Amino acid sequence: MHNYHIFEYLYRDAGNFKAFGQLLLTGIISEKYIDELRSYLEFDECFIAEQVNIPTLYSQLWKYSNGPTLEDHSYHEFSSLISASDEEISSMPVWGNTEHLLDNFRQAHHQLWDCSLSVHTAVG
């Protein structure tokens, strides 16, 4: 039997407008896992979603601004990694497993975070 977890993240533009996202993961996590994941983040919480193959959240804000603005930038923020509820397990598609996610962050960190992979390369 697999354990299910929710990776919670957000995109916050320079105007402090926020868009939220969640990924359903299978696998096992521990404090050590979360500490390792955090060690790979830029500025203790940031990552380039495109670089770790996580869906971007920009477009949630674009509907209010008719597209990208000067307040947009390249970084998404890690929020938390929590146990999934039965409702979340039954209603969300599984994105992947916890080891795959950690491998993506490890690889991105070792290659250095690359803002040019984002549609917002002016700031970053």
PDB file of N, CA and C in Angstrom:
ATOM      1  N   MET A   1       0.838  -1.192   0.000  1.00  0.00           N
ATOM      2  CA  MET A   1       0.000   0.000   0.000  1.00  0.00           C
ATOM      3  C   MET A   1       0.878   1.249   0.000  1.00  0.00           C
ATOM      4  N   HIS A   2       0.514   2.218  -0.821  1.00  0.00           N
ATOM      5  CA  HIS A   2       1.255   3.471  -0.906  1.00  0.00           C
ATOM      6  C   HIS A   2       0.666   4.499   0.044  1.00  0.00           C
ATOM      7  N   ASN A   3       1.524   5.350   0.498  1.00  0.00           N
ATOM      8  CA  ASN A   3       1.082   6.532   1.228  1.00  0.00           C
ATOM      9  C   ASN A   3       0.860   7.638   0.201  1.00  0.00           C
ATOM     10  N   TYR A   4      -0.090   8.502   0.465  1.00  0.00           N
ATOM     11  CA  TYR A   4      -0.380   9.618  -0.435  1.00  0.00           C
ATOM     12  C   TYR A   4      -0.110  10.935   0.281  1.00  0.00           C
ATOM     13  N   HIS A   5       0.474  11.871  -0.467  1.00  0.00           N
ATOM     14  CA  HIS A   5       0.837  13.174   0.089  1.00  0.00           C
ATOM     15  C   HIS A   5       0.477  14.266  -0.906  1.00  0.00           C
ATOM     16  N   ILE A   6       0.285  15.454  -0.376  1.00  0.00           N
ATOM     17  CA  ILE A   6      -0.004  16.629  -1.192  1.00  0.00           C
ATOM     18  C   ILE A   6       1.191  17.580  -1.118  1.00  0.00           C
ATOM     19  N   PHE A   7       1.767  17.875  -2.278  1.00  0.00           N
ATOM     20  CA  PHE A   7       2.799  18.895  -2.418  1.00  0.00           C
ATOM     21  C   PHE A   7       2.057  20.195  -2.702  1.00  0.00           C
ATOM     22  N   GLU A   8       2.131  21.143  -1.776  1.00  0.00           N
ATOM     23  CA  GLU A   8       1.453  22.429  -1.930  1.00  0.00           C
ATOM     24  C   GLU A   8       2.480  23.494  -2.301  1.00  0.00           C
ATOM     25  N   TYR A   9       2.133  24.271  -3.303  1.00  0.00           N
ATOM     26  CA  TYR A   9       3.033  25.322  -3.756  1.00  0.00           C
ATOM     27  C   TYR A   9       2.217  26.501  -4.261  1.00  0.00           C
ATOM     28  N   LEU A  10       2.900  27.611  -4.517  1.00  0.00           N
ATOM     29  CA  LEU A  10       2.195  28.796  -4.974  1.00  0.00           C
ATOM     30  C   LEU A  10       3.068  29.639  -5.875  1.00  0.00           C
ATOM     31  N   TYR A  11       2.415  30.496  -6.600  1.00  0.00           N
ATOM     32  CA  TYR A  11       3.083  31.534  -7.376  1.00  0.00           C
ATOM     33  C   TYR A  11       2.589  32.859  -6.816  1.00  0.00           C
ATOM     34  N   ARG A  12       3.547  33.713  -6.463  1.00  0.00           N
ATOM     35  CA  ARG A  12       3.222  35.039  -5.909  1.00  0.00           C
ATOM     36  C   ARG A  12       3.944  36.071  -6.778  1.00  0.00           C
ATOM     37  N   ASP A  13       3.186  36.911  -7.448  1.00  0.00           N
ATOM     38  CA  ASP A  13       3.850  37.910  -8.285  1.00  0.00           C
ATOM     39  C   ASP A  13       4.369  39.058  -7.420  1.00  0.00           C
ATOM     40  N   ALA A  14       5.048  40.002  -8.040  1.00  0.00           N
ATOM     41  CA  ALA A  14       5.653  41.108  -7.294  1.00  0.00           C
ATOM     42  C   ALA A  14       4.613  42.002  -6.635  1.00  0.00           C
ATOM     43  N   GLY A  15       3.370  41.943  -7.082  1.00  0.00           N
ATOM     44  CA  GLY A  15       2.285  42.696  -6.456  1.00  0.00           C
ATOM     45  C   GLY A  15       1.623  41.932  -5.323  1.00  0.00           C
ATOM     46  N   ASN A  16       2.165  40.764  -4.985  1.00  0.00           N
ATOM     47  CA  ASN A  16       1.683  39.887  -3.913  1.00  0.00           C
ATOM     48  C   ASN A  16       0.345  39.212  -4.237  1.00  0.00           C
ATOM     49  N   PHE A  17      -0.003  39.148  -5.521  1.00  0.00           N
ATOM     50  CA  PHE A  17      -1.161  38.352  -5.925  1.00  0.00           C
ATOM     51  C   PHE A  17      -0.709  36.901  -5.999  1.00  0.00           C
ATOM     52  N   LYS A  18      -1.552  35.989  -5.526  1.00  0.00           N
ATOM     53  CA  LYS A  18      -1.133  34.595  -5.374  1.00  0.00           C
ATOM     54  C   LYS A  18      -2.028  33.643  -6.149  1.00  0.00           C
ATOM     55  N   ALA A  19      -1.399  32.565  -6.617  1.00  0.00           N
ATOM     56  CA  ALA A  19      -2.102  31.438  -7.232  1.00  0.00           C
ATOM     57  C   ALA A  19      -1.569  30.181  -6.551  1.00  0.00           C
ATOM     58  N   PHE A  20      -2.460  29.261  -6.224  1.00  0.00           N
ATOM     59  CA  PHE A  20      -2.090  28.086  -5.440  1.00  0.00           C
ATOM     60  C   PHE A  20      -2.218  26.811  -6.260  1.00  0.00           C
ATOM     61  N   GLY A  21      -1.339  25.850  -5.963  1.00  0.00           N
ATOM     62  CA  GLY A  21      -1.381  24.565  -6.649  1.00  0.00           C
ATOM     63  C   GLY A  21      -1.086  23.424  -5.703  1.00  0.00           C
ATOM     64  N   GLN A  22      -1.541  22.242  -6.100  1.00  0.00           N
ATOM     65  CA  GLN A  22      -1.315  21.024  -5.327  1.00  0.00           C
ATOM     66  C   GLN A  22      -1.030  19.876  -6.283  1.00  0.00           C
ATOM     67  N   LEU A  23      -0.138  18.983  -5.855  1.00  0.00           N
ATOM     68  CA  LEU A  23       0.145  17.757  -6.594  1.00  0.00           C
ATOM     69  C   LEU A  23      -0.058  16.582  -5.656  1.00  0.00           C
ATOM     70  N   LEU A  24      -0.714  15.548  -6.129  1.00  0.00           N
ATOM     71  CA  LEU A  24      -0.882  14.326  -5.348  1.00  0.00           C
ATOM     72  C   LEU A  24       0.285  13.399  -5.656  1.00  0.00           C
ATOM     73  N   LEU A  25       0.988  12.998  -4.608  1.00  0.00           N
ATOM     74  CA  LEU A  25       2.160  12.135  -4.733  1.00  0.00           C
ATOM     75  C   LEU A  25       1.939  10.825  -3.994  1.00  0.00           C
ATOM     76  N   THR A  26       2.567   9.772  -4.483  1.00  0.00           N
ATOM     77  CA  THR A  26       2.601   8.510  -3.755  1.00  0.00           C
ATOM     78  C   THR A  26       4.006   8.337  -3.198  1.00  0.00           C
ATOM     79  N   GLY A  27       4.122   7.572  -2.139  1.00  0.00           N
ATOM     80  CA  GLY A  27       5.432   7.295  -1.569  1.00  0.00           C
ATOM     81  C   GLY A  27       5.495   7.634  -0.105  1.00  0.00           C
ATOM     82  N   ILE A  28       6.695   7.609   0.391  1.00  0.00           N
ATOM     83  CA  ILE A  28       6.931   7.824   1.820  1.00  0.00           C
ATOM     84  C   ILE A  28       7.722   9.111   2.002  1.00  0.00           C
ATOM     85  N   ILE A  29       7.320   9.901   2.989  1.00  0.00           N
ATOM     86  CA  ILE A  29       8.085  11.096   3.343  1.00  0.00           C
ATOM     87  C   ILE A  29       8.406  11.055   4.830  1.00  0.00           C
ATOM     88  N   SER A  30       9.416  11.813   5.184  1.00  0.00           N
ATOM     89  CA  SER A  30       9.843  11.935   6.576  1.00  0.00           C
ATOM     90  C   SER A  30      10.372  13.353   6.756  1.00  0.00           C
ATOM     91  N   GLU A  31      10.733  13.685   7.970  1.00  0.00           N
ATOM     92  CA  GLU A  31      11.350  14.996   8.215  1.00  0.00           C
ATOM     93  C   GLU A  31      12.634  15.121   7.405  1.00  0.00           C
ATOM     94  N   LYS A  32      13.386  14.032   7.320  1.00  0.00           N
ATOM     95  CA  LYS A  32      14.629  14.042   6.541  1.00  0.00           C
ATOM     96  C   LYS A  32      14.334  14.351   5.071  1.00  0.00           C
ATOM     97  N   TYR A  33      13.274  13.763   4.543  1.00  0.00           N
ATOM     98  CA  TYR A  33      12.876  14.014   3.152  1.00  0.00           C
ATOM     99  C   TYR A  33      12.567  15.502   2.952  1.00  0.00           C
ATOM    100  N   ILE A  34      11.756  16.061   3.835  1.00  0.00           N
ATOM    101  CA  ILE A  34      11.372  17.473   3.714  1.00  0.00           C
ATOM    102  C   ILE A  34      12.592  18.378   3.870  1.00  0.00           C
ATOM    103  N   ASP A  35      13.482  18.054   4.806  1.00  0.00           N
ATOM    104  CA  ASP A  35      14.708  18.839   4.973  1.00  0.00           C
ATOM    105  C   ASP A  35      15.564  18.800   3.711  1.00  0.00           C
ATOM    106  N   GLU A  36      15.668  17.615   3.110  1.00  0.00           N
ATOM    107  CA  GLU A  36      16.456  17.506   1.878  1.00  0.00           C
ATOM    108  C   GLU A  36      15.813  18.313   0.756  1.00  0.00           C
ATOM    109  N   LEU A  37      14.501  18.197   0.612  1.00  0.00           N
ATOM    110  CA  LEU A  37      13.801  18.970  -0.414  1.00  0.00           C
ATOM    111  C   LEU A  37      14.053  20.464  -0.216  1.00  0.00           C
ATOM    112  N   ARG A  38      13.909  20.931   1.009  1.00  0.00           N
ATOM    113  CA  ARG A  38      14.123  22.357   1.299  1.00  0.00           C
ATOM    114  C   ARG A  38      15.564  22.786   0.997  1.00  0.00           C
ATOM    115  N   SER A  39      16.513  21.895   1.182  1.00  0.00           N
ATOM    116  CA  SER A  39      17.917  22.246   0.939  1.00  0.00           C
ATOM    117  C   SER A  39      18.189  22.541  -0.535  1.00  0.00           C
ATOM    118  N   TYR A  40      17.335  22.072  -1.413  1.00  0.00           N
ATOM    119  CA  TYR A  40      17.514  22.296  -2.842  1.00  0.00           C
ATOM    120  C   TYR A  40      16.827  23.563  -3.342  1.00  0.00           C
ATOM    121  N   LEU A  41      16.043  24.214  -2.514  1.00  0.00           N
ATOM    122  CA  LEU A  41      15.290  25.392  -2.935  1.00  0.00           C
ATOM    123  C   LEU A  41      16.174  26.632  -2.987  1.00  0.00           C
ATOM    124  N   GLU A  42      15.867  27.518  -3.889  1.00  0.00           N
ATOM    125  CA  GLU A  42      16.543  28.802  -3.989  1.00  0.00           C
ATOM    126  C   GLU A  42      15.928  29.746  -2.960  1.00  0.00           C
ATOM    127  N   PHE A  43      16.729  30.510  -2.271  1.00  0.00           N
ATOM    128  CA  PHE A  43      16.249  31.470  -1.271  1.00  0.00           C
ATOM    129  C   PHE A  43      15.367  30.793  -0.215  1.00  0.00           C
ATOM    130  N   ASP A  44      15.645  29.544   0.111  1.00  0.00           N
ATOM    131  CA  ASP A  44      14.965  28.760   1.148  1.00  0.00           C
ATOM    132  C   ASP A  44      13.534  28.348   0.827  1.00  0.00           C
ATOM    133  N   GLU A  45      12.962  28.782  -0.322  1.00  0.00           N
ATOM    134  CA  GLU A  45      11.585  28.393  -0.619  1.00  0.00           C
ATOM    135  C   GLU A  45      11.228  28.392  -2.096  1.00  0.00           C
ATOM    136  N   CYS A  46      12.092  28.903  -2.943  1.00  0.00           N
ATOM    137  CA  CYS A  46      11.733  29.130  -4.345  1.00  0.00           C
ATOM    138  C   CYS A  46      12.296  28.075  -5.295  1.00  0.00           C
ATOM    139  N   PHE A  47      11.580  27.894  -6.400  1.00  0.00           N
ATOM    140  CA  PHE A  47      12.019  26.979  -7.451  1.00  0.00           C
ATOM    141  C   PHE A  47      11.424  27.420  -8.786  1.00  0.00           C
ATOM    142  N   ILE A  48      12.013  26.938  -9.862  1.00  0.00           N
ATOM    143  CA  ILE A  48      11.517  27.185 -11.212  1.00  0.00           C
ATOM    144  C   ILE A  48      10.669  25.977 -11.589  1.00  0.00           C
ATOM    145  N   ALA A  49       9.360  26.163 -11.660  1.00  0.00           N
ATOM    146  CA  ALA A  49       8.441  25.041 -11.900  1.00  0.00           C
ATOM    147  C   ALA A  49       8.778  24.295 -13.185  1.00  0.00           C
ATOM    148  N   GLU A  50       9.116  25.027 -14.233  1.00  0.00           N
ATOM    149  CA  GLU A  50       9.441  24.396 -15.507  1.00  0.00           C
ATOM    150  C   GLU A  50      10.655  23.477 -15.383  1.00  0.00           C
ATOM    151  N   GLN A  51      11.575  23.812 -14.508  1.00  0.00           N
ATOM    152  CA  GLN A  51      12.815  23.049 -14.368  1.00  0.00           C
ATOM    153  C   GLN A  51      12.603  21.731 -13.630  1.00  0.00           C
ATOM    154  N   VAL A  52      11.570  21.657 -12.817  1.00  0.00           N
ATOM    155  CA  VAL A  52      11.287  20.415 -12.078  1.00  0.00           C
ATOM    156  C   VAL A  52      10.021  19.732 -12.602  1.00  0.00           C
ATOM    157  N   ASN A  53       9.572  20.172 -13.778  1.00  0.00           N
ATOM    158  CA  ASN A  53       8.418  19.559 -14.461  1.00  0.00           C
ATOM    159  C   ASN A  53       7.132  19.584 -13.642  1.00  0.00           C
ATOM    160  N   ILE A  54       6.941  20.678 -12.926  1.00  0.00           N
ATOM    161  CA  ILE A  54       5.719  20.884 -12.148  1.00  0.00           C
ATOM    162  C   ILE A  54       4.860  21.902 -12.895  1.00  0.00           C
ATOM    163  N   PRO A  55       3.550  21.699 -12.947  1.00  0.00           N
ATOM    164  CA  PRO A  55       2.692  22.667 -13.653  1.00  0.00           C
ATOM    165  C   PRO A  55       2.860  24.085 -13.101  1.00  0.00           C
ATOM    166  N   THR A  56       3.011  25.030 -14.012  1.00  0.00           N
ATOM    167  CA  THR A  56       3.126  26.429 -13.596  1.00  0.00           C
ATOM    168  C   THR A  56       1.755  26.964 -13.190  1.00  0.00           C
ATOM    169  N   LEU A  57       1.778  28.015 -12.396  1.00  0.00           N
ATOM    170  CA  LEU A  57       0.535  28.600 -11.885  1.00  0.00           C
ATOM    171  C   LEU A  57       0.292  30.016 -12.397  1.00  0.00           C
ATOM    172  N   TYR A  58       1.187  30.522 -13.231  1.00  0.00           N
ATOM    173  CA  TYR A  58       1.071  31.899 -13.721  1.00  0.00           C
ATOM    174  C   TYR A  58      -0.299  32.218 -14.292  1.00  0.00           C
ATOM    175  N   SER A  59      -0.795  31.323 -15.135  1.00  0.00           N
ATOM    176  CA  SER A  59      -2.014  31.628 -15.893  1.00  0.00           C
ATOM    177  C   SER A  59      -3.234  31.844 -15.000  1.00  0.00           C
ATOM    178  N   GLN A  60      -3.178  31.356 -13.769  1.00  0.00           N
ATOM    179  CA  GLN A  60      -4.288  31.629 -12.849  1.00  0.00           C
ATOM    180  C   GLN A  60      -4.426  33.128 -12.595  1.00  0.00           C
ATOM    181  N   LEU A  61      -3.301  33.843 -12.639  1.00  0.00           N
ATOM    182  CA  LEU A  61      -3.338  35.299 -12.439  1.00  0.00           C
ATOM    183  C   LEU A  61      -3.526  36.047 -13.750  1.00  0.00           C
ATOM    184  N   TRP A  62      -3.093  35.472 -14.846  1.00  0.00           N
ATOM    185  CA  TRP A  62      -3.198  36.149 -16.142  1.00  0.00           C
ATOM    186  C   TRP A  62      -4.638  36.455 -16.514  1.00  0.00           C
ATOM    187  N   LYS A  63      -5.567  35.636 -16.051  1.00  0.00           N
ATOM    188  CA  LYS A  63      -6.971  35.892 -16.410  1.00  0.00           C
ATOM    189  C   LYS A  63      -7.468  37.221 -15.828  1.00  0.00           C
ATOM    190  N   TYR A  64      -6.788  37.717 -14.798  1.00  0.00           N
ATOM    191  CA  TYR A  64      -7.171  38.998 -14.195  1.00  0.00           C
ATOM    192  C   TYR A  64      -6.433  40.176 -14.832  1.00  0.00           C
ATOM    193  N   SER A  65      -5.314  39.881 -15.499  1.00  0.00           N
ATOM    194  CA  SER A  65      -4.492  40.951 -16.070  1.00  0.00           C
ATOM    195  C   SER A  65      -4.400  40.875 -17.593  1.00  0.00           C
ATOM    196  N   ASN A  66      -5.163  39.965 -18.184  1.00  0.00           N
ATOM    197  CA  ASN A  66      -5.124  39.764 -19.643  1.00  0.00           C
ATOM    198  C   ASN A  66      -3.737  39.364 -20.132  1.00  0.00           C
ATOM    199  N   GLY A  67      -3.036  38.583 -19.337  1.00  0.00           N
ATOM    200  CA  GLY A  67      -1.726  38.075 -19.737  1.00  0.00           C
ATOM    201  C   GLY A  67      -0.634  38.496 -18.782  1.00  0.00           C
ATOM    202  N   PRO A  68       0.611  38.154 -19.115  1.00  0.00           N
ATOM    203  CA  PRO A  68       1.749  38.495 -18.258  1.00  0.00           C
ATOM    204  C   PRO A  68       1.877  39.999 -18.044  1.00  0.00           C
ATOM    205  N   THR A  69       2.425  40.349 -16.894  1.00  0.00           N
ATOM    206  CA  THR A  69       2.655  41.759 -16.561  1.00  0.00           C
ATOM    207  C   THR A  69       4.097  41.935 -16.100  1.00  0.00           C
ATOM    208  N   LEU A  70       4.484  43.163 -15.857  1.00  0.00           N
ATOM    209  CA  LEU A  70       5.829  43.441 -15.352  1.00  0.00           C
ATOM    210  C   LEU A  70       6.023  42.931 -13.929  1.00  0.00           C
ATOM    211  N   GLU A  71       4.949  42.589 -13.243  1.00  0.00           N
ATOM    212  CA  GLU A  71       5.053  42.068 -11.876  1.00  0.00           C
ATOM    213  C   GLU A  71       5.316  40.565 -11.843  1.00  0.00           C
ATOM    214  N   ASP A  72       5.277  39.915 -12.997  1.00  0.00           N
ATOM    215  CA  ASP A  72       5.547  38.481 -13.052  1.00  0.00           C
ATOM    216  C   ASP A  72       7.047  38.216 -13.012  1.00  0.00           C
ATOM    217  N   HIS A  73       7.409  37.069 -12.480  1.00  0.00           N
ATOM    218  CA  HIS A  73       8.804  36.638 -12.396  1.00  0.00           C
ATOM    219  C   HIS A  73       8.842  35.126 -12.563  1.00  0.00           C
ATOM    220  N   SER A  74       9.997  34.527 -12.389  1.00  0.00           N
ATOM    221  CA  SER A  74      10.205  33.110 -12.716  1.00  0.00           C
ATOM    222  C   SER A  74       9.919  32.127 -11.593  1.00  0.00           C
ATOM    223  N   TYR A  75       9.875  32.574 -10.363  1.00  0.00           N
ATOM    224  CA  TYR A  75       9.867  31.652  -9.227  1.00  0.00           C
ATOM    225  C   TYR A  75       8.480  31.279  -8.703  1.00  0.00           C
ATOM    226  N   HIS A  76       8.334  30.013  -8.375  1.00  0.00           N
ATOM    227  CA  HIS A  76       7.213  29.503  -7.584  1.00  0.00           C
ATOM    228  C   HIS A  76       7.759  29.240  -6.176  1.00  0.00           C
ATOM    229  N   GLU A  77       6.881  29.070  -5.204  1.00  0.00           N
ATOM    230  CA  GLU A  77       7.298  28.842  -3.818  1.00  0.00           C
ATOM    231  C   GLU A  77       6.758  27.517  -3.304  1.00  0.00           C
ATOM    232  N   PHE A  78       7.615  26.788  -2.621  1.00  0.00           N
ATOM    233  CA  PHE A  78       7.185  25.587  -1.908  1.00  0.00           C
ATOM    234  C   PHE A  78       6.434  26.036  -0.668  1.00  0.00           C
ATOM    235  N   SER A  79       5.275  25.430  -0.417  1.00  0.00           N
ATOM    236  CA  SER A  79       4.484  25.774   0.757  1.00  0.00           C
ATOM    237  C   SER A  79       4.558  24.673   1.807  1.00  0.00           C
ATOM    238  N   SER A  80       4.131  23.458   1.445  1.00  0.00           N
ATOM    239  CA  SER A  80       4.160  22.360   2.417  1.00  0.00           C
ATOM    240  C   SER A  80       4.016  21.022   1.706  1.00  0.00           C
ATOM    241  N   LEU A  81       4.270  19.984   2.452  1.00  0.00           N
ATOM    242  CA  LEU A  81       4.086  18.611   1.998  1.00  0.00           C
ATOM    243  C   LEU A  81       3.356  17.901   3.117  1.00  0.00           C
ATOM    244  N   ILE A  82       2.088  17.560   2.858  1.00  0.00           N
ATOM    245  CA  ILE A  82       1.226  17.030   3.912  1.00  0.00           C
ATOM    246  C   ILE A  82       0.588  15.715   3.469  1.00  0.00           C
ATOM    247  N   SER A  83       0.061  14.981   4.422  1.00  0.00           N
ATOM    248  CA  SER A  83      -0.670  13.754   4.103  1.00  0.00           C
ATOM    249  C   SER A  83      -1.956  14.107   3.372  1.00  0.00           C
ATOM    250  N   ALA A  84      -2.285  13.305   2.366  1.00  0.00           N
ATOM    251  CA  ALA A  84      -3.506  13.536   1.588  1.00  0.00           C
ATOM    252  C   ALA A  84      -4.706  12.946   2.312  1.00  0.00           C
ATOM    253  N   SER A  85      -5.822  13.625   2.203  1.00  0.00           N
ATOM    254  CA  SER A  85      -7.081  13.118   2.763  1.00  0.00           C
ATOM    255  C   SER A  85      -7.682  12.099   1.795  1.00  0.00           C
ATOM    256  N   ASP A  86      -8.637  11.320   2.275  1.00  0.00           N
ATOM    257  CA  ASP A  86      -9.333  10.368   1.406  1.00  0.00           C
ATOM    258  C   ASP A  86     -10.004  11.095   0.242  1.00  0.00           C
ATOM    259  N   GLU A  87     -10.569  12.261   0.507  1.00  0.00           N
ATOM    260  CA  GLU A  87     -11.221  13.044  -0.547  1.00  0.00           C
ATOM    261  C   GLU A  87     -10.216  13.474  -1.614  1.00  0.00           C
ATOM    262  N   GLU A  88      -9.036  13.934  -1.185  1.00  0.00           N
ATOM    263  CA  GLU A  88      -8.007  14.343  -2.145  1.00  0.00           C
ATOM    264  C   GLU A  88      -7.528  13.151  -2.969  1.00  0.00           C
ATOM    265  N   ILE A  89      -7.357  12.016  -2.311  1.00  0.00           N
ATOM    266  CA  ILE A  89      -6.901  10.811  -3.011  1.00  0.00           C
ATOM    267  C   ILE A  89      -7.896  10.400  -4.087  1.00  0.00           C
ATOM    268  N   SER A  90      -9.175  10.504  -3.778  1.00  0.00           N
ATOM    269  CA  SER A  90     -10.194  10.074  -4.741  1.00  0.00           C
ATOM    270  C   SER A  90     -10.491  11.118  -5.816  1.00  0.00           C
ATOM    271  N   SER A  91     -10.141  12.382  -5.574  1.00  0.00           N
ATOM    272  CA  SER A  91     -10.517  13.430  -6.525  1.00  0.00           C
ATOM    273  C   SER A  91      -9.361  13.981  -7.361  1.00  0.00           C
ATOM    274  N   MET A  92      -8.126  13.692  -6.985  1.00  0.00           N
ATOM    275  CA  MET A  92      -6.978  14.249  -7.700  1.00  0.00           C
ATOM    276  C   MET A  92      -6.234  13.147  -8.446  1.00  0.00           C
ATOM    277  N   PRO A  93      -5.719  13.461  -9.633  1.00  0.00           N
ATOM    278  CA  PRO A  93      -4.871  12.475 -10.309  1.00  0.00           C
ATOM    279  C   PRO A  93      -3.509  12.412  -9.622  1.00  0.00           C
ATOM    280  N   VAL A  94      -2.900  11.253  -9.623  1.00  0.00           N
ATOM    281  CA  VAL A  94      -1.556  11.116  -9.058  1.00  0.00           C
ATOM    282  C   VAL A  94      -0.572  11.757 -10.032  1.00  0.00           C
ATOM    283  N   TRP A  95       0.207  12.708  -9.543  1.00  0.00           N
ATOM    284  CA  TRP A  95       1.203  13.386 -10.367  1.00  0.00           C
ATOM    285  C   TRP A  95       2.438  12.514 -10.544  1.00  0.00           C
ATOM    286  N   GLY A  96       2.837  11.843  -9.480  1.00  0.00           N
ATOM    287  CA  GLY A  96       4.047  11.027  -9.496  1.00  0.00           C
ATOM    288  C   GLY A  96       4.358  10.561  -8.093  1.00  0.00           C
ATOM    289  N   ASN A  97       5.603  10.121  -7.887  1.00  0.00           N
ATOM    290  CA  ASN A  97       5.972   9.658  -6.553  1.00  0.00           C
ATOM    291  C   ASN A  97       6.972  10.602  -5.902  1.00  0.00           C
ATOM    292  N   THR A  98       7.121  10.430  -4.611  1.00  0.00           N
ATOM    293  CA  THR A  98       7.946  11.343  -3.820  1.00  0.00           C
ATOM    294  C   THR A  98       9.413  11.297  -4.237  1.00  0.00           C
ATOM    295  N   GLU A  99       9.916  10.130  -4.603  1.00  0.00           N
ATOM    296  CA  GLU A  99      11.324  10.031  -5.006  1.00  0.00           C
ATOM    297  C   GLU A  99      11.567  10.741  -6.332  1.00  0.00           C
ATOM    298  N   HIS A 100      10.622  10.629  -7.252  1.00  0.00           N
ATOM    299  CA  HIS A 100      10.742  11.324  -8.544  1.00  0.00           C
ATOM    300  C   HIS A 100      10.771  12.840  -8.319  1.00  0.00           C
ATOM    301  N   LEU A 101       9.904  13.330  -7.457  1.00  0.00           N
ATOM    302  CA  LEU A 101       9.884  14.758  -7.146  1.00  0.00           C
ATOM    303  C   LEU A 101      11.222  15.198  -6.564  1.00  0.00           C
ATOM    304  N   LEU A 102      11.717  14.455  -5.588  1.00  0.00           N
ATOM    305  CA  LEU A 102      12.988  14.807  -4.958  1.00  0.00           C
ATOM    306  C   LEU A 102      14.128  14.760  -5.970  1.00  0.00           C
ATOM    307  N   ASP A 103      14.129  13.763  -6.841  1.00  0.00           N
ATOM    308  CA  ASP A 103      15.159  13.680  -7.885  1.00  0.00           C
ATOM    309  C   ASP A 103      15.125  14.904  -8.792  1.00  0.00           C
ATOM    310  N   ASN A 104      13.929  15.362  -9.157  1.00  0.00           N
ATOM    311  CA  ASN A 104      13.808  16.553  -9.999  1.00  0.00           C
ATOM    312  C   ASN A 104      14.404  17.778  -9.317  1.00  0.00           C
ATOM    313  N   PHE A 105      14.122  17.952  -8.027  1.00  0.00           N
ATOM    314  CA  PHE A 105      14.663  19.096  -7.290  1.00  0.00           C
ATOM    315  C   PHE A 105      16.174  18.963  -7.113  1.00  0.00           C
ATOM    316  N   ARG A 106      16.647  17.777  -6.834  1.00  0.00           N
ATOM    317  CA  ARG A 106      18.085  17.539  -6.663  1.00  0.00           C
ATOM    318  C   ARG A 106      18.823  17.894  -7.954  1.00  0.00           C
ATOM    319  N   GLN A 107      18.324  17.408  -9.069  1.00  0.00           N
ATOM    320  CA  GLN A 107      18.960  17.666 -10.357  1.00  0.00           C
ATOM    321  C   GLN A 107      18.949  19.157 -10.693  1.00  0.00           C
ATOM    322  N   ALA A 108      17.826  19.817 -10.496  1.00  0.00           N
ATOM    323  CA  ALA A 108      17.737  21.254 -10.783  1.00  0.00           C
ATOM    324  C   ALA A 108      18.707  22.047  -9.914  1.00  0.00           C
ATOM    325  N   HIS A 109      18.788  21.698  -8.652  1.00  0.00           N
ATOM    326  CA  HIS A 109      19.696  22.388  -7.730  1.00  0.00           C
ATOM    327  C   HIS A 109      21.152  22.225  -8.176  1.00  0.00           C
ATOM    328  N   HIS A 110      21.519  21.012  -8.560  1.00  0.00           N
ATOM    329  CA  HIS A 110      22.904  20.758  -8.968  1.00  0.00           C
ATOM    330  C   HIS A 110      23.236  21.415 -10.306  1.00  0.00           C
ATOM    331  N   GLN A 111      22.234  21.603 -11.156  1.00  0.00           N
ATOM    332  CA  GLN A 111      22.452  22.295 -12.429  1.00  0.00           C
ATOM    333  C   GLN A 111      22.338  23.810 -12.255  1.00  0.00           C
ATOM    334  N   LEU A 112      21.924  24.243 -11.107  1.00  0.00           N
ATOM    335  CA  LEU A 112      21.620  25.628 -10.753  1.00  0.00           C
ATOM    336  C   LEU A 112      20.260  26.010 -11.327  1.00  0.00           C
ATOM    337  N   TRP A 113      19.505  26.735 -10.533  1.00  0.00           N
ATOM    338  CA  TRP A 113      18.172  27.160 -10.956  1.00  0.00           C
ATOM    339  C   TRP A 113      18.308  28.088 -12.149  1.00  0.00           C
ATOM    340  N   ASP A 114      17.527  27.842 -13.182  1.00  0.00           N
ATOM    341  CA  ASP A 114      17.677  28.525 -14.463  1.00  0.00           C
ATOM    342  C   ASP A 114      16.397  29.286 -14.820  1.00  0.00           C
ATOM    343  N   CYS A 115      16.390  30.571 -14.536  1.00  0.00           N
ATOM    344  CA  CYS A 115      15.213  31.409 -14.809  1.00  0.00           C
ATOM    345  C   CYS A 115      14.879  31.474 -16.293  1.00  0.00           C
ATOM    346  N   SER A 116      15.847  31.208 -17.155  1.00  0.00           N
ATOM    347  CA  SER A 116      15.577  31.286 -18.593  1.00  0.00           C
ATOM    348  C   SER A 116      14.605  30.206 -19.056  1.00  0.00           C
ATOM    349  N   LEU A 117      14.357  29.192 -18.234  1.00  0.00           N
ATOM    350  CA  LEU A 117      13.395  28.148 -18.584  1.00  0.00           C
ATOM    351  C   LEU A 117      11.956  28.605 -18.384  1.00  0.00           C
ATOM    352  N   SER A 118      11.784  29.701 -17.680  1.00  0.00           N
ATOM    353  CA  SER A 118      10.457  30.247 -17.408  1.00  0.00           C
ATOM    354  C   SER A 118      10.037  31.202 -18.518  1.00  0.00           C
ATOM    355  N   VAL A 119       8.739  31.361 -18.684  1.00  0.00           N
ATOM    356  CA  VAL A 119       8.250  32.356 -19.638  1.00  0.00           C
ATOM    357  C   VAL A 119       8.549  33.773 -19.152  1.00  0.00           C
ATOM    358  N   HIS A 120       8.911  33.911 -17.887  1.00  0.00           N
ATOM    359  CA  HIS A 120       9.227  35.223 -17.297  1.00  0.00           C
ATOM    360  C   HIS A 120      10.725  35.288 -17.024  1.00  0.00           C
ATOM    361  N   THR A 121      11.484  35.750 -17.991  1.00  0.00           N
ATOM    362  CA  THR A 121      12.930  35.790 -17.810  1.00  0.00           C
ATOM    363  C   THR A 121      13.459  37.184 -17.510  1.00  0.00           C
ATOM    364  N   ALA A 122      12.606  38.194 -17.514  1.00  0.00           N
ATOM    365  CA  ALA A 122      13.057  39.565 -17.271  1.00  0.00           C
ATOM    366  C   ALA A 122      13.496  39.770 -15.836  1.00  0.00           C
ATOM    367  N   VAL A 123      12.853  39.067 -14.897  1.00  0.00           N
ATOM    368  CA  VAL A 123      13.189  39.175 -13.480  1.00  0.00           C
ATOM    369  C   VAL A 123      13.607  37.802 -13.026  1.00  0.00           C
ATOM    370  N   GLY A 124      14.612  37.688 -12.197  1.00  0.00           N
ATOM    371  CA  GLY A 124      14.966  36.378 -11.699  1.00  0.00           C
ATOM    372  C   GLY A 124      16.368  36.205 -11.377  1.00  0.00           C
TER     373      GLY A 124
END
